[in-house]
Protein backbone atom coordinates (compact mmCIF):
# COMPACT_ATOMS: atom_id res chain seq x y z
CA UNK A 1 61.99 188.90 193.61
CA UNK A 2 58.59 187.27 193.80
CA UNK A 3 55.51 189.18 194.97
CA UNK A 4 52.88 187.76 197.30
CA UNK A 5 49.84 186.22 195.61
CA UNK A 6 47.48 189.04 196.51
CA UNK A 7 49.82 191.92 195.65
CA UNK A 8 47.10 193.60 193.57
CA UNK A 9 45.16 194.19 196.80
CA UNK A 10 48.02 196.13 198.40
CA UNK A 11 45.76 199.08 199.18
CA UNK A 12 43.48 196.90 201.31
CA UNK A 13 46.26 195.62 203.57
CA UNK A 14 46.33 197.08 207.08
CA UNK A 15 50.13 197.05 207.14
CA UNK A 16 50.20 199.34 204.13
CA UNK A 17 47.55 201.62 205.62
CA UNK A 18 49.37 201.88 208.97
CA UNK A 19 52.69 202.61 207.29
CA UNK A 20 51.07 205.27 205.09
CA UNK A 21 49.51 206.95 208.15
CA UNK A 22 52.86 207.02 209.97
CA UNK A 23 54.56 208.28 206.81
CA UNK A 24 52.03 211.09 206.49
CA UNK A 25 52.48 212.03 210.15
CA UNK A 26 56.26 212.11 209.81
CA UNK A 27 55.97 214.21 206.65
CA UNK A 28 53.66 216.69 208.35
CA UNK A 29 56.00 216.91 211.33
CA UNK A 30 59.03 217.56 209.16
CA UNK A 31 57.47 219.83 206.53
CA UNK A 32 55.02 221.78 208.68
CA UNK A 33 56.55 222.11 212.15
CA UNK A 34 54.21 225.02 212.96
CA UNK A 35 51.23 222.61 212.86
CA UNK A 36 53.06 220.36 215.29
CA UNK A 37 53.82 223.30 217.58
CA UNK A 38 50.15 224.38 217.62
CA UNK A 39 49.12 220.88 218.64
CA UNK A 40 52.01 220.58 221.11
CA UNK A 41 50.72 223.56 223.13
CA UNK A 42 47.57 221.67 224.16
CA UNK A 43 49.42 218.53 225.30
CA UNK A 44 49.73 218.30 229.11
CA UNK A 45 53.24 218.81 230.52
CA UNK A 46 53.44 215.30 232.01
CA UNK A 47 52.87 213.75 228.61
CA UNK A 48 55.34 216.14 226.96
CA UNK A 49 58.03 215.12 229.44
CA UNK A 50 57.50 211.41 228.81
CA UNK A 51 57.36 211.75 225.02
CA UNK A 52 60.31 214.04 224.50
CA UNK A 53 62.91 211.62 225.76
CA UNK A 54 65.03 209.26 223.72
CA UNK A 55 63.05 206.41 225.23
CA UNK A 56 59.73 208.03 224.30
CA UNK A 57 60.70 208.56 220.68
CA UNK A 58 62.20 205.08 220.47
CA UNK A 59 59.01 203.63 221.95
CA UNK A 60 56.88 205.44 219.35
CA UNK A 61 58.88 203.99 216.46
CA UNK A 62 58.96 200.50 217.96
CA UNK A 63 55.19 200.71 218.57
CA UNK A 64 54.67 201.63 214.91
CA UNK A 65 56.71 198.63 213.80
CA UNK A 66 54.93 196.26 216.19
CA UNK A 67 51.47 197.51 215.20
CA UNK A 68 52.34 197.09 211.54
CA UNK A 69 53.74 193.60 212.11
CA UNK A 70 50.75 192.47 214.15
CA UNK A 71 48.39 193.83 211.50
CA UNK A 72 50.18 191.68 208.93
CA UNK A 73 49.45 188.56 210.98
CA UNK A 74 45.72 189.23 211.30
CA UNK A 75 43.56 187.57 208.67
CA UNK A 76 41.81 190.24 206.64
CA UNK A 77 38.49 188.81 205.50
CA UNK A 78 38.06 191.23 202.59
CA UNK A 79 41.32 190.07 201.06
CA UNK A 80 40.49 186.39 201.49
CA UNK A 81 36.95 186.78 200.12
CA UNK A 82 38.36 187.98 196.82
CA UNK A 83 40.79 185.06 196.69
CA UNK A 84 38.02 182.53 197.30
CA UNK A 85 35.81 184.20 194.66
CA UNK A 86 38.67 184.04 192.16
CA UNK A 87 39.13 180.35 192.89
CA UNK A 88 35.39 179.69 192.43
CA UNK A 89 35.42 181.44 189.06
CA UNK A 90 38.16 179.13 187.72
């Protein structure tokens, strides 16, 4: 297995950040369902009905994957600045 060149900057990558956010949300939902229920009460019924279907849950997971994938394709200037600085130092 070979890592990408800028693996040391993993914490700056939007894909990592997005996946961490979704991971935290899933953990909160599974470990603290009472928090979810308190928030669920304020959600309008129309939205509840559209979310709580197989299609709604599937859409949420697909959206997370798409957002993460698109973020990986976007050039992140902060990551590339460091690479160009490293090249200039050599």
